[in-house]
Amino acid sequence: MAGSDANYQIVYRGDSLECFHLGGWVFFQRSKEAGGGFWLGRTFDFVFMIELQHPVSLHEGIIYLQKLKFECSLLH
């Protein structure tokens, strides 16, 4: 899992998401056989909503979240 100051959680292959925050960002690692990478999405009650239509590397996903945070800060 990510550090406490991060705004996302990481679930590695073979692990499960023990606790989630409503609307929280989560990276789910894909199997190597499926091509690797991570699905990035948000958690809600009874559903995981995928944000991007394709798997991303952890680095790409974190950059994406940083851009979202920056764009949001410009709007407020």
C-alpha atoms as a PDB file:
ATOM      1  CA  MET A   1       0.000   0.000   0.000  1.00  0.00           C
ATOM      2  CA  ALA A   2       1.056   3.605  -0.550  1.00  0.00           C
ATOM      3  CA  GLY A   3       2.357   5.856   2.166  1.00  0.00           C
ATOM      4  CA  SER A   4      -0.005   7.845   4.362  1.00  0.00           C
ATOM      5  CA  ASP A   5       0.635  11.121   2.504  1.00  0.00           C
ATOM      6  CA  ALA A   6      -0.292   9.644  -0.872  1.00  0.00           C
ATOM      7  CA  ASN A   7      -3.771  10.100  -2.304  1.00  0.00           C
ATOM      8  CA  TYR A   8      -3.917   6.560  -3.687  1.00  0.00           C
ATOM      9  CA  GLN A   9      -3.574   2.935  -2.659  1.00  0.00           C
ATOM     10  CA  ILE A  10      -1.700   0.170  -4.484  1.00  0.00           C
ATOM     11  CA  VAL A  11      -2.897  -3.420  -4.535  1.00  0.00           C
ATOM     12  CA  TYR A  12      -0.235  -5.816  -5.804  1.00  0.00           C
ATOM     13  CA  ARG A  13      -0.893  -9.155  -7.491  1.00  0.00           C
ATOM     14  CA  GLY A  14      -2.121 -11.731  -4.994  1.00  0.00           C
ATOM     15  CA  ASP A  15      -3.134  -9.084  -2.432  1.00  0.00           C
ATOM     16  CA  SER A  16      -6.575  -7.685  -1.712  1.00  0.00           C
ATOM     17  CA  LEU A  17      -7.851  -4.256  -0.828  1.00  0.00           C
ATOM     18  CA  GLU A  18      -8.452  -4.509   2.926  1.00  0.00           C
ATOM     19  CA  CYS A  19      -9.922  -1.054   3.426  1.00  0.00           C
ATOM     20  CA  PHE A  20     -11.015   1.596   0.954  1.00  0.00           C
ATOM     21  CA  HIS A  21     -12.060   5.211   1.065  1.00  0.00           C
ATOM     22  CA  LEU A  22     -15.220   6.191  -0.780  1.00  0.00           C
ATOM     23  CA  GLY A  23     -14.058   7.783  -4.031  1.00  0.00           C
ATOM     24  CA  GLY A  24     -10.434   6.899  -3.277  1.00  0.00           C
ATOM     25  CA  TRP A  25      -7.914   6.168  -6.016  1.00  0.00           C
ATOM     26  CA  VAL A  26      -6.566   2.630  -6.289  1.00  0.00           C
ATOM     27  CA  PHE A  27      -4.007   0.936  -8.538  1.00  0.00           C
ATOM     28  CA  PHE A  28      -4.644  -2.777  -9.092  1.00  0.00           C
ATOM     29  CA  GLN A  29      -1.634  -4.619 -10.502  1.00  0.00           C
ATOM     30  CA  ARG A  30      -2.385  -6.856 -13.479  1.00  0.00           C
ATOM     31  CA  SER A  31      -0.794 -10.249 -13.964  1.00  0.00           C
ATOM     32  CA  LYS A  32       2.285 -10.488 -16.153  1.00  0.00           C
ATOM     33  CA  GLU A  33       0.395 -12.964 -18.354  1.00  0.00           C
ATOM     34  CA  ALA A  34      -2.236 -10.270 -19.003  1.00  0.00           C
ATOM     35  CA  GLY A  35       0.443  -7.757 -19.957  1.00  0.00           C
ATOM     36  CA  GLY A  36       1.331  -6.283 -16.569  1.00  0.00           C
ATOM     37  CA  GLY A  37       0.763  -2.695 -15.556  1.00  0.00           C
ATOM     38  CA  PHE A  38      -2.007  -1.397 -13.354  1.00  0.00           C
ATOM     39  CA  TRP A  39      -5.677  -0.585 -13.628  1.00  0.00           C
ATOM     40  CA  LEU A  40      -6.323   2.842 -12.105  1.00  0.00           C
ATOM     41  CA  GLY A  41      -9.737   3.664 -10.766  1.00  0.00           C
ATOM     42  CA  ARG A  42     -11.862   4.820  -7.869  1.00  0.00           C
ATOM     43  CA  THR A  43     -13.581   2.790  -5.200  1.00  0.00           C
ATOM     44  CA  PHE A  44     -17.200   3.205  -4.223  1.00  0.00           C
ATOM     45  CA  ASP A  45     -19.632   0.943  -2.389  1.00  0.00           C
ATOM     46  CA  PHE A  46     -19.872  -2.304  -4.367  1.00  0.00           C
ATOM     47  CA  VAL A  47     -18.036  -0.968  -7.450  1.00  0.00           C
ATOM     48  CA  PHE A  48     -14.579  -0.157  -8.782  1.00  0.00           C
ATOM     49  CA  MET A  49     -14.799   2.455 -11.546  1.00  0.00           C
ATOM     50  CA  ILE A  50     -11.884   2.293 -13.963  1.00  0.00           C
ATOM     51  CA  GLU A  51     -10.627   5.801 -14.769  1.00  0.00           C
ATOM     52  CA  LEU A  52      -8.551   5.087 -17.872  1.00  0.00           C
ATOM     53  CA  GLN A  53      -9.490   2.784 -20.728  1.00  0.00           C
ATOM     54  CA  HIS A  54      -6.088   1.102 -20.718  1.00  0.00           C
ATOM     55  CA  PRO A  55      -3.646  -0.231 -18.141  1.00  0.00           C
ATOM     56  CA  VAL A  56      -0.820   2.109 -17.132  1.00  0.00           C
ATOM     57  CA  SER A  57       2.538   1.839 -15.444  1.00  0.00           C
ATOM     58  CA  LEU A  58       2.603   2.994 -11.843  1.00  0.00           C
ATOM     59  CA  HIS A  59       4.659   6.020 -12.940  1.00  0.00           C
ATOM     60  CA  GLU A  60       2.144   6.990 -15.653  1.00  0.00           C
ATOM     61  CA  GLY A  61      -0.734   6.648 -13.208  1.00  0.00           C
ATOM     62  CA  ILE A  62       0.906   8.798 -10.549  1.00  0.00           C
ATOM     63  CA  ILE A  63       1.680  11.498 -13.135  1.00  0.00           C
ATOM     64  CA  TYR A  64      -1.975  11.356 -14.237  1.00  0.00           C
ATOM     65  CA  LEU A  65      -3.159  11.847 -10.640  1.00  0.00           C
ATOM     66  CA  GLN A  66      -0.727  14.736 -10.127  1.00  0.00           C
ATOM     67  CA  LYS A  67      -2.074  16.447 -13.258  1.00  0.00           C
ATOM     68  CA  LEU A  68      -5.651  15.988 -12.049  1.00  0.00           C
ATOM     69  CA  LYS A  69      -4.751  17.474  -8.671  1.00  0.00           C
ATOM     70  CA  PHE A  70      -3.016  20.443 -10.351  1.00  0.00           C
ATOM     71  CA  GLU A  71      -5.935  21.081 -12.720  1.00  0.00           C
ATOM     72  CA  CYS A  72      -8.378  20.903  -9.834  1.00  0.00           C
ATOM     73  CA  SER A  73      -6.310  23.417  -7.845  1.00  0.00           C
ATOM     74  CA  LEU A  74      -6.483  25.856 -10.778  1.00  0.00           C
ATOM     75  CA  LEU A  75     -10.284  25.692 -10.768  1.00  0.00           C
ATOM     76  CA  HIS A  76     -10.572  26.594  -7.073  1.00  0.00           C
END
